[in-house]
Amino acid sequence: FLRTQGPWGQLVSLGNVDLRPLEDGRAVPLSE
């Protein structure tokens, strides 16, 4: 949705944000 719908897609195309995938139940380590 963010990648394909304006104005959010512009944040992606201009590099303001870097989309990172989430997966149900899979932990994202932030630090130790």
PDB file of all heavy atoms in Angstrom:
ATOM      1  N   PHE A   1       0.831  -1.198   0.000  1.00  0.00           N
ATOM      2  CA  PHE A   1       0.000   0.000   0.000  1.00  0.00           C
ATOM      3  C   PHE A   1       0.873   1.258   0.000  1.00  0.00           C
ATOM      4  O   PHE A   1       0.649   2.190  -0.785  1.00  0.00           O
ATOM      5  CB  PHE A   1      -0.915  -0.018   1.227  1.00  0.00           C
ATOM      6  CG  PHE A   1      -1.683   1.248   1.445  1.00  0.00           C
ATOM      7  CD1 PHE A   1      -2.786   1.558   0.681  1.00  0.00           C
ATOM      8  CD2 PHE A   1      -1.296   2.142   2.438  1.00  0.00           C
ATOM      9  CE1 PHE A   1      -3.494   2.733   0.886  1.00  0.00           C
ATOM     10  CE2 PHE A   1      -1.986   3.315   2.656  1.00  0.00           C
ATOM     11  CZ  PHE A   1      -3.098   3.617   1.871  1.00  0.00           C
ATOM     12  N   LEU A   2       1.871   1.295   0.841  1.00  0.00           N
ATOM     13  CA  LEU A   2       2.745   2.465   0.908  1.00  0.00           C
ATOM     14  C   LEU A   2       3.554   2.630  -0.371  1.00  0.00           C
ATOM     15  O   LEU A   2       3.796   3.753  -0.827  1.00  0.00           O
ATOM     16  CB  LEU A   2       3.684   2.348   2.110  1.00  0.00           C
ATOM     17  CG  LEU A   2       3.040   2.379   3.493  1.00  0.00           C
ATOM     18  CD1 LEU A   2       4.087   2.106   4.574  1.00  0.00           C
ATOM     19  CD2 LEU A   2       2.346   3.708   3.761  1.00  0.00           C
ATOM     20  N   ARG A   3       3.956   1.524  -0.949  1.00  0.00           N
ATOM     21  CA  ARG A   3       4.817   1.575  -2.136  1.00  0.00           C
ATOM     22  C   ARG A   3       4.046   2.017  -3.380  1.00  0.00           C
ATOM     23  O   ARG A   3       4.611   2.674  -4.269  1.00  0.00           O
ATOM     24  CB  ARG A   3       5.435   0.202  -2.376  1.00  0.00           C
ATOM     25  CG  ARG A   3       6.484   0.161  -3.471  1.00  0.00           C
ATOM     26  CD  ARG A   3       7.070  -1.226  -3.621  1.00  0.00           C
ATOM     27  NE  ARG A   3       7.833  -1.638  -2.449  1.00  0.00           N
ATOM     28  CZ  ARG A   3       7.437  -2.584  -1.602  1.00  0.00           C
ATOM     29  NH1 ARG A   3       6.288  -3.223  -1.776  1.00  0.00           N
ATOM     30  NH2 ARG A   3       8.177  -2.902  -0.560  1.00  0.00           N
ATOM     31  N   THR A   4       2.756   1.702  -3.444  1.00  0.00           N
ATOM     32  CA  THR A   4       2.010   1.896  -4.688  1.00  0.00           C
ATOM     33  C   THR A   4       1.009   3.039  -4.647  1.00  0.00           C
ATOM     34  O   THR A   4       0.511   3.440  -5.708  1.00  0.00           O
ATOM     35  CB  THR A   4       1.262   0.606  -5.068  1.00  0.00           C
ATOM     36  OG1 THR A   4       0.333   0.263  -4.021  1.00  0.00           O
ATOM     37  CG2 THR A   4       2.252  -0.544  -5.261  1.00  0.00           C
ATOM     38  N   GLN A   5       0.690   3.569  -3.473  1.00  0.00           N
ATOM     39  CA  GLN A   5      -0.331   4.599  -3.372  1.00  0.00           C
ATOM     40  C   GLN A   5       0.296   5.947  -3.020  1.00  0.00           C
ATOM     41  O   GLN A   5       1.105   6.052  -2.099  1.00  0.00           O
ATOM     42  CB  GLN A   5      -1.366   4.219  -2.294  1.00  0.00           C
ATOM     43  CG  GLN A   5      -2.062   2.894  -2.535  1.00  0.00           C
ATOM     44  CD  GLN A   5      -2.865   2.887  -3.814  1.00  0.00           C
ATOM     45  OE1 GLN A   5      -3.607   3.817  -4.108  1.00  0.00           O
ATOM     46  NE2 GLN A   5      -2.726   1.824  -4.595  1.00  0.00           N
ATOM     47  N   GLY A   6      -0.102   6.988  -3.776  1.00  0.00           N
ATOM     48  CA  GLY A   6       0.375   8.324  -3.440  1.00  0.00           C
ATOM     49  C   GLY A   6      -0.419   8.902  -2.292  1.00  0.00           C
ATOM     50  O   GLY A   6      -1.567   8.525  -2.076  1.00  0.00           O
ATOM     51  N   PRO A   7       0.222   9.796  -1.513  1.00  0.00           N
ATOM     52  CA  PRO A   7       1.579  10.317  -1.688  1.00  0.00           C
ATOM     53  C   PRO A   7       2.656   9.457  -1.048  1.00  0.00           C
ATOM     54  O   PRO A   7       3.831   9.811  -1.085  1.00  0.00           O
ATOM     55  CB  PRO A   7       1.494  11.676  -0.977  1.00  0.00           C
ATOM     56  CG  PRO A   7       0.565  11.421   0.169  1.00  0.00           C
ATOM     57  CD  PRO A   7      -0.475  10.464  -0.369  1.00  0.00           C
ATOM     58  N   TRP A   8       2.247   8.329  -0.465  1.00  0.00           N
ATOM     59  CA  TRP A   8       3.202   7.520   0.305  1.00  0.00           C
ATOM     60  C   TRP A   8       4.291   6.946  -0.581  1.00  0.00           C
ATOM     61  O   TRP A   8       5.445   6.818  -0.158  1.00  0.00           O
ATOM     62  CB  TRP A   8       2.442   6.411   1.046  1.00  0.00           C
ATOM     63  CG  TRP A   8       1.155   6.914   1.578  1.00  0.00           C
ATOM     64  CD1 TRP A   8      -0.105   6.639   1.118  1.00  0.00           C
ATOM     65  CD2 TRP A   8       0.992   7.868   2.628  1.00  0.00           C
ATOM     66  NE1 TRP A   8      -1.041   7.345   1.827  1.00  0.00           N
ATOM     67  CE2 TRP A   8      -0.399   8.113   2.761  1.00  0.00           C
ATOM     68  CE3 TRP A   8       1.871   8.541   3.469  1.00  0.00           C
ATOM     69  CZ2 TRP A   8      -0.916   8.999   3.697  1.00  0.00           C
ATOM     70  CZ3 TRP A   8       1.364   9.427   4.414  1.00  0.00           C
ATOM     71  CH2 TRP A   8      -0.008   9.643   4.515  1.00  0.00           C
ATOM     72  N   GLY A   9       3.927   6.581  -1.829  1.00  0.00           N
ATOM     73  CA  GLY A   9       4.925   6.016  -2.724  1.00  0.00           C
ATOM     74  C   GLY A   9       6.096   6.948  -2.979  1.00  0.00           C
ATOM     75  O   GLY A   9       7.211   6.502  -3.257  1.00  0.00           O
ATOM     76  N   GLN A  10       5.848   8.251  -2.912  1.00  0.00           N
ATOM     77  CA  GLN A  10       6.936   9.200  -3.114  1.00  0.00           C
ATOM     78  C   GLN A  10       7.957   9.121  -1.985  1.00  0.00           C
ATOM     79  O   GLN A  10       9.159   9.321  -2.215  1.00  0.00           O
ATOM     80  CB  GLN A  10       6.384  10.619  -3.220  1.00  0.00           C
ATOM     81  CG  GLN A  10       7.434  11.645  -3.631  1.00  0.00           C
ATOM     82  CD  GLN A  10       6.858  13.028  -3.796  1.00  0.00           C
ATOM     83  OE1 GLN A  10       6.438  13.661  -2.828  1.00  0.00           O
ATOM     84  NE2 GLN A  10       6.826  13.504  -5.033  1.00  0.00           N
ATOM     85  N   LEU A  11       7.510   8.825  -0.773  1.00  0.00           N
ATOM     86  CA  LEU A  11       8.450   8.651   0.334  1.00  0.00           C
ATOM     87  C   LEU A  11       9.411   7.518   0.038  1.00  0.00           C
ATOM     88  O   LEU A  11      10.592   7.573   0.398  1.00  0.00           O
ATOM     89  CB  LEU A  11       7.692   8.354   1.633  1.00  0.00           C
ATOM     90  CG  LEU A  11       6.732   9.414   2.160  1.00  0.00           C
ATOM     91  CD1 LEU A  11       5.988   8.897   3.384  1.00  0.00           C
ATOM     92  CD2 LEU A  11       7.469  10.706   2.495  1.00  0.00           C
ATOM     93  N   VAL A  12       8.892   6.474  -0.627  1.00  0.00           N
ATOM     94  CA  VAL A  12       9.731   5.324  -0.977  1.00  0.00           C
ATOM     95  C   VAL A  12      10.651   5.668  -2.142  1.00  0.00           C
ATOM     96  O   VAL A  12      11.863   5.427  -2.090  1.00  0.00           O
ATOM     97  CB  VAL A  12       8.846   4.108  -1.326  1.00  0.00           C
ATOM     98  CG1 VAL A  12       9.718   2.906  -1.705  1.00  0.00           C
ATOM     99  CG2 VAL A  12       7.940   3.751  -0.151  1.00  0.00           C
ATOM    100  N   SER A  13      10.091   6.248  -3.207  1.00  0.00           N
ATOM    101  CA  SER A  13      10.895   6.522  -4.402  1.00  0.00           C
ATOM    102  C   SER A  13      11.984   7.555  -4.159  1.00  0.00           C
ATOM    103  O   SER A  13      13.058   7.496  -4.773  1.00  0.00           O
ATOM    104  CB  SER A  13       9.992   6.986  -5.550  1.00  0.00           C
ATOM    105  OG  SER A  13       9.353   8.215  -5.235  1.00  0.00           O
ATOM    106  N   LEU A  14      11.739   8.497  -3.249  1.00  0.00           N
ATOM    107  CA  LEU A  14      12.752   9.498  -2.939  1.00  0.00           C
ATOM    108  C   LEU A  14      13.720   9.050  -1.841  1.00  0.00           C
ATOM    109  O   LEU A  14      14.661   9.773  -1.513  1.00  0.00           O
ATOM    110  CB  LEU A  14      12.084  10.815  -2.513  1.00  0.00           C
ATOM    111  CG  LEU A  14      11.265  11.537  -3.582  1.00  0.00           C
ATOM    112  CD1 LEU A  14      10.679  12.835  -3.012  1.00  0.00           C
ATOM    113  CD2 LEU A  14      12.120  11.839  -4.810  1.00  0.00           C
ATOM    114  N   GLY A  15      13.471   7.881  -1.281  1.00  0.00           N
ATOM    115  CA  GLY A  15      14.377   7.366  -0.264  1.00  0.00           C
ATOM    116  C   GLY A  15      14.184   7.975   1.108  1.00  0.00           C
ATOM    117  O   GLY A  15      15.064   7.829   1.973  1.00  0.00           O
ATOM    118  N   ASN A  16      13.060   8.657   1.339  1.00  0.00           N
ATOM    119  CA  ASN A  16      12.798   9.177   2.686  1.00  0.00           C
ATOM    120  C   ASN A  16      12.626   8.048   3.695  1.00  0.00           C
ATOM    121  O   ASN A  16      13.002   8.170   4.864  1.00  0.00           O
ATOM    122  CB  ASN A  16      11.538  10.052   2.693  1.00  0.00           C
ATOM    123  CG  ASN A  16      11.607  11.208   1.729  1.00  0.00           C
ATOM    124  OD1 ASN A  16      10.742  11.385   0.885  1.00  0.00           O
ATOM    125  ND2 ASN A  16      12.650  12.028   1.842  1.00  0.00           N
ATOM    126  N   VAL A  17      12.024   6.940   3.221  1.00  0.00           N
ATOM    127  CA  VAL A  17      11.828   5.771   4.070  1.00  0.00           C
ATOM    128  C   VAL A  17      12.399   4.541   3.371  1.00  0.00           C
ATOM    129  O   VAL A  17      12.537   4.510   2.144  1.00  0.00           O
ATOM    130  CB  VAL A  17      10.339   5.543   4.410  1.00  0.00           C
ATOM    131  CG1 VAL A  17       9.736   6.775   5.090  1.00  0.00           C
ATOM    132  CG2 VAL A  17       9.530   5.172   3.173  1.00  0.00           C
ATOM    133  N   ASP A  18      12.713   3.546   4.160  1.00  0.00           N
ATOM    134  CA  ASP A  18      13.214   2.269   3.661  1.00  0.00           C
ATOM    135  C   ASP A  18      12.281   1.189   4.197  1.00  0.00           C
ATOM    136  O   ASP A  18      12.303   0.887   5.393  1.00  0.00           O
ATOM    137  CB  ASP A  18      14.644   2.041   4.139  1.00  0.00           C
ATOM    138  CG  ASP A  18      15.203   0.695   3.720  1.00  0.00           C
ATOM    139  OD1 ASP A  18      14.641   0.069   2.793  1.00  0.00           O
ATOM    140  OD2 ASP A  18      16.203   0.255   4.315  1.00  0.00           O
ATOM    141  N   LEU A  19      11.421   0.642   3.341  1.00  0.00           N
ATOM    142  CA  LEU A  19      10.452  -0.349   3.787  1.00  0.00           C
ATOM    143  C   LEU A  19      11.138  -1.654   4.160  1.00  0.00           C
ATOM    144  O   LEU A  19      11.942  -2.189   3.385  1.00  0.00           O
ATOM    145  CB  LEU A  19       9.409  -0.601   2.701  1.00  0.00           C
ATOM    146  CG  LEU A  19       8.479   0.572   2.364  1.00  0.00           C
ATOM    147  CD1 LEU A  19       7.510   0.182   1.253  1.00  0.00           C
ATOM    148  CD2 LEU A  19       7.714   1.029   3.602  1.00  0.00           C
ATOM    149  N   ARG A  20      10.833  -2.154   5.338  1.00  0.00           N
ATOM    150  CA  ARG A  20      11.404  -3.407   5.833  1.00  0.00           C
ATOM    151  C   ARG A  20      10.260  -4.395   6.072  1.00  0.00           C
ATOM    152  O   ARG A  20       9.292  -4.071   6.765  1.00  0.00           O
ATOM    153  CB  ARG A  20      12.168  -3.174   7.140  1.00  0.00           C
ATOM    154  CG  ARG A  20      13.238  -2.088   7.076  1.00  0.00           C
ATOM    155  CD  ARG A  20      14.505  -2.564   6.421  1.00  0.00           C
ATOM    156  NE  ARG A  20      15.524  -1.516   6.395  1.00  0.00           N
ATOM    157  CZ  ARG A  20      16.446  -1.346   7.352  1.00  0.00           C
ATOM    158  NH1 ARG A  20      16.449  -2.127   8.434  1.00  0.00           N
ATOM    159  NH2 ARG A  20      17.352  -0.378   7.233  1.00  0.00           N
ATOM    160  N   PRO A  21      10.333  -5.618   5.539  1.00  0.00           N
ATOM    161  CA  PRO A  21       9.215  -6.563   5.650  1.00  0.00           C
ATOM    162  C   PRO A  21       9.075  -7.151   7.050  1.00  0.00           C
ATOM    163  O   PRO A  21      10.077  -7.475   7.703  1.00  0.00           O
ATOM    164  CB  PRO A  21       9.567  -7.649   4.634  1.00  0.00           C
ATOM    165  CG  PRO A  21      11.067  -7.602   4.542  1.00  0.00           C
ATOM    166  CD  PRO A  21      11.440  -6.155   4.732  1.00  0.00           C
ATOM    167  N   LEU A  22       7.831  -7.266   7.484  1.00  0.00           N
ATOM    168  CA  LEU A  22       7.497  -7.972   8.715  1.00  0.00           C
ATOM    169  C   LEU A  22       6.819  -9.285   8.362  1.00  0.00           C
ATOM    170  O   LEU A  22       6.150  -9.401   7.337  1.00  0.00           O
ATOM    171  CB  LEU A  22       6.557  -7.140   9.591  1.00  0.00           C
ATOM    172  CG  LEU A  22       7.105  -5.895  10.273  1.00  0.00           C
ATOM    173  CD1 LEU A  22       5.985  -5.163  10.997  1.00  0.00           C
ATOM    174  CD2 LEU A  22       8.235  -6.236  11.232  1.00  0.00           C
ATOM    175  N   GLU A  23       6.965 -10.266   9.241  1.00  0.00           N
ATOM    176  CA  GLU A  23       6.321 -11.564   9.073  1.00  0.00           C
ATOM    177  C   GLU A  23       5.646 -11.945  10.378  1.00  0.00           C
ATOM    178  O   GLU A  23       6.242 -11.827  11.460  1.00  0.00           O
ATOM    179  CB  GLU A  23       7.353 -12.617   8.678  1.00  0.00           C
ATOM    180  CG  GLU A  23       6.771 -13.990   8.405  1.00  0.00           C
ATOM    181  CD  GLU A  23       7.821 -14.991   7.978  1.00  0.00           C
ATOM    182  OE1 GLU A  23       8.875 -14.560   7.455  1.00  0.00           O
ATOM    183  OE2 GLU A  23       7.591 -16.200   8.186  1.00  0.00           O
ATOM    184  N   ASP A  24       4.410 -12.392  10.273  1.00  0.00           N
ATOM    185  CA  ASP A  24       3.644 -12.775  11.449  1.00  0.00           C
ATOM    186  C   ASP A  24       4.420 -13.772  12.304  1.00  0.00           C
ATOM    187  O   ASP A  24       4.822 -14.834  11.828  1.00  0.00           O
ATOM    188  CB  ASP A  24       2.309 -13.389  10.994  1.00  0.00           C
ATOM    189  CG  ASP A  24       1.402 -13.781  12.154  1.00  0.00           C
ATOM    190  OD1 ASP A  24       1.579 -13.250  13.258  1.00  0.00           O
ATOM    191  OD2 ASP A  24       0.502 -14.619  11.933  1.00  0.00           O
ATOM    192  N   GLY A  25       4.651 -13.396  13.566  1.00  0.00           N
ATOM    193  CA  GLY A  25       5.308 -14.290  14.506  1.00  0.00           C
ATOM    194  C   GLY A  25       6.821 -14.305  14.452  1.00  0.00           C
ATOM    195  O   GLY A  25       7.454 -14.987  15.274  1.00  0.00           O
ATOM    196  N   ARG A  26       7.418 -13.570  13.530  1.00  0.00           N
ATOM    197  CA  ARG A  26       8.888 -13.565  13.419  1.00  0.00           C
ATOM    198  C   ARG A  26       9.465 -12.332  14.100  1.00  0.00           C
ATOM    199  O   ARG A  26       9.138 -11.205  13.753  1.00  0.00           O
ATOM    200  CB  ARG A  26       9.328 -13.598  11.963  1.00  0.00           C
ATOM    201  CG  ARG A  26      10.852 -13.619  11.776  1.00  0.00           C
ATOM    202  CD  ARG A  26      11.189 -13.731  10.311  1.00  0.00           C
ATOM    203  NE  ARG A  26      10.820 -15.049   9.823  1.00  0.00           N
ATOM    204  CZ  ARG A  26      11.709 -15.985   9.450  1.00  0.00           C
ATOM    205  NH1 ARG A  26      12.995 -15.718   9.507  1.00  0.00           N
ATOM    206  NH2 ARG A  26      11.304 -17.151   9.021  1.00  0.00           N
ATOM    207  N   ALA A  27      10.334 -12.547  15.086  1.00  0.00           N
ATOM    208  CA  ALA A  27      10.903 -11.457  15.864  1.00  0.00           C
ATOM    209  C   ALA A  27      11.879 -10.634  15.040  1.00  0.00           C
ATOM    210  O   ALA A  27      12.619 -11.166  14.205  1.00  0.00           O
ATOM    211  CB  ALA A  27      11.609 -12.003  17.105  1.00  0.00           C
ATOM    212  N   VAL A  28      11.864  -9.331  15.281  1.00  0.00           N
ATOM    213  CA  VAL A  28      12.832  -8.412  14.681  1.00  0.00           C
ATOM    214  C   VAL A  28      13.790  -7.976  15.788  1.00  0.00           C
ATOM    215  O   VAL A  28      13.395  -7.253  16.703  1.00  0.00           O
ATOM    216  CB  VAL A  28      12.131  -7.186  14.073  1.00  0.00           C
ATOM    217  CG1 VAL A  28      13.165  -6.209  13.493  1.00  0.00           C
ATOM    218  CG2 VAL A  28      11.130  -7.600  13.008  1.00  0.00           C
ATOM    219  N   PRO A  29      15.040  -8.400  15.756  1.00  0.00           N
ATOM    220  CA  PRO A  29      15.986  -7.973  16.794  1.00  0.00           C
ATOM    221  C   PRO A  29      16.355  -6.506  16.616  1.00  0.00           C
ATOM    222  O   PRO A  29      16.675  -6.071  15.506  1.00  0.00           O
ATOM    223  CB  PRO A  29      17.189  -8.889  16.588  1.00  0.00           C
ATOM    224  CG  PRO A  29      17.106  -9.309  15.150  1.00  0.00           C
ATOM    225  CD  PRO A  29      15.661  -9.324  14.780  1.00  0.00           C
ATOM    226  N   LEU A  30      16.306  -5.754  17.692  1.00  0.00           N
ATOM    227  CA  LEU A  30      16.675  -4.342  17.661  1.00  0.00           C
ATOM    228  C   LEU A  30      18.072  -4.117  18.211  1.00  0.00           C
ATOM    229  O   LEU A  30      18.834  -3.306  17.690  1.00  0.00           O
ATOM    230  CB  LEU A  30      15.663  -3.518  18.452  1.00  0.00           C
ATOM    231  CG  LEU A  30      14.201  -3.614  17.997  1.00  0.00           C
ATOM    232  CD1 LEU A  30      13.325  -2.702  18.842  1.00  0.00           C
ATOM    233  CD2 LEU A  30      14.069  -3.283  16.521  1.00  0.00           C
ATOM    234  N   SER A  31      18.396  -4.795  19.272  1.00  0.00           N
ATOM    235  CA  SER A  31      19.723  -4.744  19.868  1.00  0.00           C
ATOM    236  C   SER A  31      19.819  -5.952  20.785  1.00  0.00           C
ATOM    237  O   SER A  31      18.878  -6.756  20.879  1.00  0.00           O
ATOM    238  CB  SER A  31      19.957  -3.439  20.633  1.00  0.00           C
ATOM    239  OG  SER A  31      18.998  -3.291  21.669  1.00  0.00           O
ATOM    240  N   GLU A  32      20.937  -6.099  21.450  1.00  0.00           N
ATOM    241  CA  GLU A  32      21.115  -7.267  22.310  1.00  0.00           C
ATOM    242  C   GLU A  32      20.033  -7.294  23.402  1.00  0.00           C
ATOM    243  O   GLU A  32      19.879  -6.342  24.169  1.00  0.00           O
ATOM    244  CB  GLU A  32      22.502  -7.246  22.952  1.00  0.00           C
ATOM    245  CG  GLU A  32      22.802  -8.487  23.772  1.00  0.00           C
ATOM    246  CD  GLU A  32      24.210  -8.499  24.315  1.00  0.00           C
ATOM    247  OE1 GLU A  32      24.979  -7.551  24.008  1.00  0.00           O
ATOM    248  OE2 GLU A  32      24.559  -9.446  25.048  1.00  0.00           O
TER     249      GLU A  32
END
